[in-house]
PDB file of all heavy atoms in Angstrom:
ATOM      1  N   GLN A   1     -18.248 -19.474  -1.911  1.00  0.00           N
ATOM      2  CA  GLN A   1     -19.165 -20.589  -2.126  1.00  0.00           C
ATOM      3  C   GLN A   1     -20.538 -20.095  -2.545  1.00  0.00           C
ATOM      4  O   GLN A   1     -21.171 -20.663  -3.445  1.00  0.00           O
ATOM      5  CB  GLN A   1     -19.261 -21.420  -0.852  1.00  0.00           C
ATOM      6  CG  GLN A   1     -20.099 -22.682  -1.005  1.00  0.00           C
ATOM      7  CD  GLN A   1     -20.125 -23.506   0.263  1.00  0.00           C
ATOM      8  OE1 GLN A   1     -19.594 -23.113   1.286  1.00  0.00           O
ATOM      9  NE2 GLN A   1     -20.759 -24.663   0.199  1.00  0.00           N
ATOM     10  N   ASP A   2     -21.021 -19.029  -1.900  1.00  0.00           N
ATOM     11  CA  ASP A   2     -22.322 -18.476  -2.269  1.00  0.00           C
ATOM     12  C   ASP A   2     -22.306 -17.938  -3.700  1.00  0.00           C
ATOM     13  O   ASP A   2     -23.276 -18.115  -4.453  1.00  0.00           O
ATOM     14  CB  ASP A   2     -22.709 -17.362  -1.291  1.00  0.00           C
ATOM     15  CG  ASP A   2     -22.984 -17.894   0.104  1.00  0.00           C
ATOM     16  OD1 ASP A   2     -23.217 -19.119   0.233  1.00  0.00           O
ATOM     17  OD2 ASP A   2     -22.949 -17.110   1.065  1.00  0.00           O
ATOM     18  N   ALA A   3     -21.216 -17.261  -4.075  1.00  0.00           N
ATOM     19  CA  ALA A   3     -21.109 -16.742  -5.436  1.00  0.00           C
ATOM     20  C   ALA A   3     -21.059 -17.875  -6.457  1.00  0.00           C
ATOM     21  O   ALA A   3     -21.660 -17.779  -7.531  1.00  0.00           O
ATOM     22  CB  ALA A   3     -19.857 -15.860  -5.558  1.00  0.00           C
ATOM     23  N   ARG A   4     -20.377 -18.954  -6.109  1.00  0.00           N
ATOM     24  CA  ARG A   4     -20.294 -20.093  -7.024  1.00  0.00           C
ATOM     25  C   ARG A   4     -21.660 -20.744  -7.211  1.00  0.00           C
ATOM     26  O   ARG A   4     -22.006 -21.175  -8.315  1.00  0.00           O
ATOM     27  CB  ARG A   4     -19.285 -21.101  -6.474  1.00  0.00           C
ATOM     28  CG  ARG A   4     -19.045 -22.277  -7.394  1.00  0.00           C
ATOM     29  CD  ARG A   4     -17.981 -23.192  -6.824  1.00  0.00           C
ATOM     30  NE  ARG A   4     -17.806 -24.368  -7.653  1.00  0.00           N
ATOM     31  CZ  ARG A   4     -17.051 -24.425  -8.743  1.00  0.00           C
ATOM     32  NH1 ARG A   4     -16.386 -23.351  -9.139  1.00  0.00           N
ATOM     33  NH2 ARG A   4     -16.950 -25.521  -9.448  1.00  0.00           N
ATOM     34  N   LYS A   5     -22.443 -20.823  -6.140  1.00  0.00           N
ATOM     35  CA  LYS A   5     -23.781 -21.391  -6.251  1.00  0.00           C
ATOM     36  C   LYS A   5     -24.654 -20.563  -7.192  1.00  0.00           C
ATOM     37  O   LYS A   5     -25.560 -21.099  -7.840  1.00  0.00           O
ATOM     38  CB  LYS A   5     -24.434 -21.471  -4.878  1.00  0.00           C
ATOM     39  CG  LYS A   5     -23.833 -22.539  -3.972  1.00  0.00           C
ATOM     40  CD  LYS A   5     -24.523 -22.558  -2.632  1.00  0.00           C
ATOM     41  CE  LYS A   5     -23.928 -23.628  -1.726  1.00  0.00           C
ATOM     42  NZ  LYS A   5     -24.575 -23.640  -0.384  1.00  0.00           N
ATOM     43  N   LYS A   6     -24.405 -19.276  -7.257  1.00  0.00           N
ATOM     44  CA  LYS A   6     -25.165 -18.398  -8.148  1.00  0.00           C
ATOM     45  C   LYS A   6     -24.604 -18.386  -9.568  1.00  0.00           C
ATOM     46  O   LYS A   6     -25.122 -17.666 -10.431  1.00  0.00           O
ATOM     47  CB  LYS A   6     -25.165 -16.975  -7.596  1.00  0.00           C
ATOM     48  CG  LYS A   6     -25.858 -16.834  -6.247  1.00  0.00           C
ATOM     49  CD  LYS A   6     -25.757 -15.411  -5.735  1.00  0.00           C
ATOM     50  CE  LYS A   6     -26.409 -15.263  -4.371  1.00  0.00           C
ATOM     51  NZ  LYS A   6     -26.261 -13.896  -3.823  1.00  0.00           N
ATOM     52  N   GLY A   7     -23.548 -19.147  -9.802  1.00  0.00           N
ATOM     53  CA  GLY A   7     -22.944 -19.180 -11.130  1.00  0.00           C
ATOM     54  C   GLY A   7     -21.955 -18.064 -11.368  1.00  0.00           C
ATOM     55  O   GLY A   7     -21.514 -17.859 -12.507  1.00  0.00           O
ATOM     56  N   GLN A   8     -21.575 -17.343 -10.319  1.00  0.00           N
ATOM     57  CA  GLN A   8     -20.632 -16.237 -10.454  1.00  0.00           C
ATOM     58  C   GLN A   8     -19.222 -16.778 -10.247  1.00  0.00           C
ATOM     59  O   GLN A   8     -18.762 -16.960  -9.121  1.00  0.00           O
ATOM     60  CB  GLN A   8     -20.956 -15.144  -9.435  1.00  0.00           C
ATOM     61  CG  GLN A   8     -22.339 -14.538  -9.601  1.00  0.00           C
ATOM     62  CD  GLN A   8     -22.685 -13.576  -8.493  1.00  0.00           C
ATOM     63  OE1 GLN A   8     -21.884 -13.327  -7.584  1.00  0.00           O
ATOM     64  NE2 GLN A   8     -23.874 -13.006  -8.541  1.00  0.00           N
ATOM     65  N   VAL A   9     -18.530 -17.037 -11.335  1.00  0.00           N
ATOM     66  CA  VAL A   9     -17.177 -17.581 -11.298  1.00  0.00           C
ATOM     67  C   VAL A   9     -16.302 -16.809 -12.278  1.00  0.00           C
ATOM     68  O   VAL A   9     -16.800 -16.132 -13.178  1.00  0.00           O
ATOM     69  CB  VAL A   9     -17.175 -19.082 -11.647  1.00  0.00           C
ATOM     70  CG1 VAL A   9     -17.814 -19.913 -10.541  1.00  0.00           C
ATOM     71  CG2 VAL A   9     -17.895 -19.340 -12.971  1.00  0.00           C
ATOM     72  N   ALA A  10     -15.003 -16.943 -12.085  1.00  0.00           N
ATOM     73  CA  ALA A  10     -14.052 -16.282 -12.981  1.00  0.00           C
ATOM     74  C   ALA A  10     -13.821 -17.162 -14.200  1.00  0.00           C
ATOM     75  O   ALA A  10     -13.256 -18.251 -14.095  1.00  0.00           O
ATOM     76  CB  ALA A  10     -12.736 -16.034 -12.245  1.00  0.00           C
ATOM     77  N   LYS A  11     -14.282 -16.710 -15.342  1.00  0.00           N
ATOM     78  CA  LYS A  11     -14.094 -17.486 -16.561  1.00  0.00           C
ATOM     79  C   LYS A  11     -14.005 -16.546 -17.762  1.00  0.00           C
ATOM     80  O   LYS A  11     -14.577 -15.459 -17.764  1.00  0.00           O
ATOM     81  CB  LYS A  11     -15.247 -18.475 -16.760  1.00  0.00           C
ATOM     82  CG  LYS A  11     -16.608 -17.836 -16.915  1.00  0.00           C
ATOM     83  CD  LYS A  11     -17.686 -18.880 -17.106  1.00  0.00           C
ATOM     84  CE  LYS A  11     -19.060 -18.223 -17.243  1.00  0.00           C
ATOM     85  NZ  LYS A  11     -20.124 -19.231 -17.446  1.00  0.00           N
ATOM     86  N   SER A  12     -13.282 -17.000 -18.763  1.00  0.00           N
ATOM     87  CA  SER A  12     -13.145 -16.251 -20.006  1.00  0.00           C
ATOM     88  C   SER A  12     -13.955 -16.939 -21.090  1.00  0.00           C
ATOM     89  O   SER A  12     -13.793 -18.143 -21.322  1.00  0.00           O
ATOM     90  CB  SER A  12     -11.672 -16.169 -20.412  1.00  0.00           C
ATOM     91  OG  SER A  12     -11.551 -15.643 -21.712  1.00  0.00           O
ATOM     92  N   MET A  13     -14.815 -16.201 -21.753  1.00  0.00           N
ATOM     93  CA  MET A  13     -15.595 -16.756 -22.856  1.00  0.00           C
ATOM     94  C   MET A  13     -14.734 -16.944 -24.103  1.00  0.00           C
ATOM     95  O   MET A  13     -15.119 -17.650 -25.030  1.00  0.00           O
ATOM     96  CB  MET A  13     -16.776 -15.839 -23.172  1.00  0.00           C
ATOM     97  CG  MET A  13     -17.717 -15.606 -22.000  1.00  0.00           C
ATOM     98  SD  MET A  13     -18.403 -17.135 -21.322  1.00  0.00           S
ATOM     99  CE  MET A  13     -19.393 -17.678 -22.702  1.00  0.00           C
ATOM    100  N   GLU A  14     -13.568 -16.302 -24.117  1.00  0.00           N
ATOM    101  CA  GLU A  14     -12.689 -16.402 -25.281  1.00  0.00           C
ATOM    102  C   GLU A  14     -11.910 -17.705 -25.294  1.00  0.00           C
ATOM    103  O   GLU A  14     -11.601 -18.241 -26.368  1.00  0.00           O
ATOM    104  CB  GLU A  14     -11.705 -15.224 -25.289  1.00  0.00           C
ATOM    105  CG  GLU A  14     -12.331 -13.858 -25.129  1.00  0.00           C
ATOM    106  CD  GLU A  14     -13.169 -13.484 -26.332  1.00  0.00           C
ATOM    107  OE1 GLU A  14     -12.877 -14.005 -27.424  1.00  0.00           O
ATOM    108  OE2 GLU A  14     -14.112 -12.681 -26.171  1.00  0.00           O
ATOM    109  N   LEU A  15     -11.582 -18.227 -24.100  1.00  0.00           N
ATOM    110  CA  LEU A  15     -10.709 -19.391 -24.030  1.00  0.00           C
ATOM    111  C   LEU A  15     -11.322 -20.641 -24.657  1.00  0.00           C
ATOM    112  O   LEU A  15     -10.641 -21.325 -25.433  1.00  0.00           O
ATOM    113  CB  LEU A  15     -10.312 -19.649 -22.574  1.00  0.00           C
ATOM    114  CG  LEU A  15      -9.218 -20.689 -22.339  1.00  0.00           C
ATOM    115  CD1 LEU A  15      -7.947 -20.311 -23.094  1.00  0.00           C
ATOM    116  CD2 LEU A  15      -8.926 -20.822 -20.853  1.00  0.00           C
ATOM    117  N   PRO A  16     -12.580 -21.003 -24.358  1.00  0.00           N
ATOM    118  CA  PRO A  16     -13.128 -22.204 -25.000  1.00  0.00           C
ATOM    119  C   PRO A  16     -13.158 -22.108 -26.520  1.00  0.00           C
ATOM    120  O   PRO A  16     -12.780 -23.057 -27.218  1.00  0.00           O
ATOM    121  CB  PRO A  16     -14.545 -22.294 -24.407  1.00  0.00           C
ATOM    122  CG  PRO A  16     -14.485 -21.557 -23.119  1.00  0.00           C
ATOM    123  CD  PRO A  16     -13.527 -20.454 -23.355  1.00  0.00           C
ATOM    124  N   SER A  17     -13.610 -20.960 -27.047  1.00  0.00           N
ATOM    125  CA  SER A  17     -13.691 -20.832 -28.505  1.00  0.00           C
ATOM    126  C   SER A  17     -12.312 -20.877 -29.147  1.00  0.00           C
ATOM    127  O   SER A  17     -12.122 -21.484 -30.218  1.00  0.00           O
ATOM    128  CB  SER A  17     -14.405 -19.532 -28.870  1.00  0.00           C
ATOM    129  OG  SER A  17     -13.724 -18.408 -28.321  1.00  0.00           O
ATOM    130  N   ALA A  18     -11.318 -20.254 -28.490  1.00  0.00           N
ATOM    131  CA  ALA A  18      -9.964 -20.270 -29.058  1.00  0.00           C
ATOM    132  C   ALA A  18      -9.376 -21.677 -29.027  1.00  0.00           C
ATOM    133  O   ALA A  18      -8.745 -22.122 -29.997  1.00  0.00           O
ATOM    134  CB  ALA A  18      -9.064 -19.304 -28.277  1.00  0.00           C
ATOM    135  N   LEU A  19      -9.588 -22.405 -27.922  1.00  0.00           N
ATOM    136  CA  LEU A  19      -9.073 -23.772 -27.842  1.00  0.00           C
ATOM    137  C   LEU A  19      -9.786 -24.695 -28.829  1.00  0.00           C
ATOM    138  O   LEU A  19      -9.164 -25.588 -29.421  1.00  0.00           O
ATOM    139  CB  LEU A  19      -9.238 -24.305 -26.414  1.00  0.00           C
ATOM    140  CG  LEU A  19      -8.234 -23.794 -25.373  1.00  0.00           C
ATOM    141  CD1 LEU A  19      -8.572 -24.349 -23.996  1.00  0.00           C
ATOM    142  CD2 LEU A  19      -6.810 -24.166 -25.763  1.00  0.00           C
ATOM    143  N   VAL A  20     -11.083 -24.491 -28.987  1.00  0.00           N
ATOM    144  CA  VAL A  20     -11.824 -25.304 -29.953  1.00  0.00           C
ATOM    145  C   VAL A  20     -11.303 -25.055 -31.366  1.00  0.00           C
ATOM    146  O   VAL A  20     -11.113 -25.991 -32.162  1.00  0.00           O
ATOM    147  CB  VAL A  20     -13.330 -24.996 -29.858  1.00  0.00           C
ATOM    148  CG1 VAL A  20     -14.068 -25.537 -31.070  1.00  0.00           C
ATOM    149  CG2 VAL A  20     -13.914 -25.594 -28.588  1.00  0.00           C
ATOM    150  N   MET A  21     -11.057 -23.804 -31.681  1.00  0.00           N
ATOM    151  CA  MET A  21     -10.537 -23.464 -33.007  1.00  0.00           C
ATOM    152  C   MET A  21      -9.146 -24.067 -33.218  1.00  0.00           C
ATOM    153  O   MET A  21      -8.863 -24.677 -34.264  1.00  0.00           O
ATOM    154  CB  MET A  21     -10.477 -21.945 -33.161  1.00  0.00           C
ATOM    155  CG  MET A  21     -10.011 -21.473 -34.521  1.00  0.00           C
ATOM    156  SD  MET A  21     -10.036 -19.658 -34.635  1.00  0.00           S
ATOM    157  CE  MET A  21      -9.385 -19.422 -36.286  1.00  0.00           C
ATOM    158  N   LEU A  22      -8.293 -23.932 -32.212  1.00  0.00           N
ATOM    159  CA  LEU A  22      -6.945 -24.490 -32.325  1.00  0.00           C
ATOM    160  C   LEU A  22      -6.993 -26.010 -32.424  1.00  0.00           C
ATOM    161  O   LEU A  22      -6.288 -26.614 -33.251  1.00  0.00           O
ATOM    162  CB  LEU A  22      -6.112 -24.064 -31.112  1.00  0.00           C
ATOM    163  CG  LEU A  22      -4.672 -24.574 -31.073  1.00  0.00           C
ATOM    164  CD1 LEU A  22      -3.885 -24.042 -32.262  1.00  0.00           C
ATOM    165  CD2 LEU A  22      -3.998 -24.172 -29.764  1.00  0.00           C
ATOM    166  N   GLY A  23      -7.834 -26.650 -31.591  1.00  0.00           N
ATOM    167  CA  GLY A  23      -7.941 -28.106 -31.645  1.00  0.00           C
ATOM    168  C   GLY A  23      -8.509 -28.595 -32.962  1.00  0.00           C
ATOM    169  O   GLY A  23      -8.057 -29.618 -33.497  1.00  0.00           O
ATOM    170  N   GLY A  24      -9.497 -27.867 -33.489  1.00  0.00           N
ATOM    171  CA  GLY A  24     -10.073 -28.262 -34.769  1.00  0.00           C
ATOM    172  C   GLY A  24      -9.055 -28.237 -35.885  1.00  0.00           C
ATOM    173  O   GLY A  24      -8.944 -29.196 -36.686  1.00  0.00           O
ATOM    174  N   PHE A  25      -8.269 -27.165 -35.970  1.00  0.00           N
ATOM    175  CA  PHE A  25      -7.253 -27.085 -37.023  1.00  0.00           C
ATOM    176  C   PHE A  25      -6.116 -28.081 -36.788  1.00  0.00           C
ATOM    177  O   PHE A  25      -5.534 -28.602 -37.745  1.00  0.00           O
ATOM    178  CB  PHE A  25      -6.704 -25.661 -37.117  1.00  0.00           C
ATOM    179  CG  PHE A  25      -7.572 -24.730 -37.909  1.00  0.00           C
ATOM    180  CD1 PHE A  25      -8.353 -23.773 -37.281  1.00  0.00           C
ATOM    181  CD2 PHE A  25      -7.627 -24.824 -39.290  1.00  0.00           C
ATOM    182  CE1 PHE A  25      -9.171 -22.917 -38.009  1.00  0.00           C
ATOM    183  CE2 PHE A  25      -8.430 -23.978 -40.035  1.00  0.00           C
ATOM    184  CZ  PHE A  25      -9.218 -23.025 -39.388  1.00  0.00           C
ATOM    185  N   ALA A  26      -5.797 -28.345 -35.491  1.00  0.00           N
ATOM    186  CA  ALA A  26      -4.744 -29.330 -35.208  1.00  0.00           C
ATOM    187  C   ALA A  26      -5.182 -30.728 -35.633  1.00  0.00           C
ATOM    188  O   ALA A  26      -4.388 -31.492 -36.201  1.00  0.00           O
ATOM    189  CB  ALA A  26      -4.411 -29.311 -33.714  1.00  0.00           C
TER     190      ALA A  26
END
């Protein structure tokens, strides 16, 4: 919880851009 409050979470910066690209072409 403390790490989440600091913005420290498990996330991939590649996933949003890849999904946006796939959704745009779809």
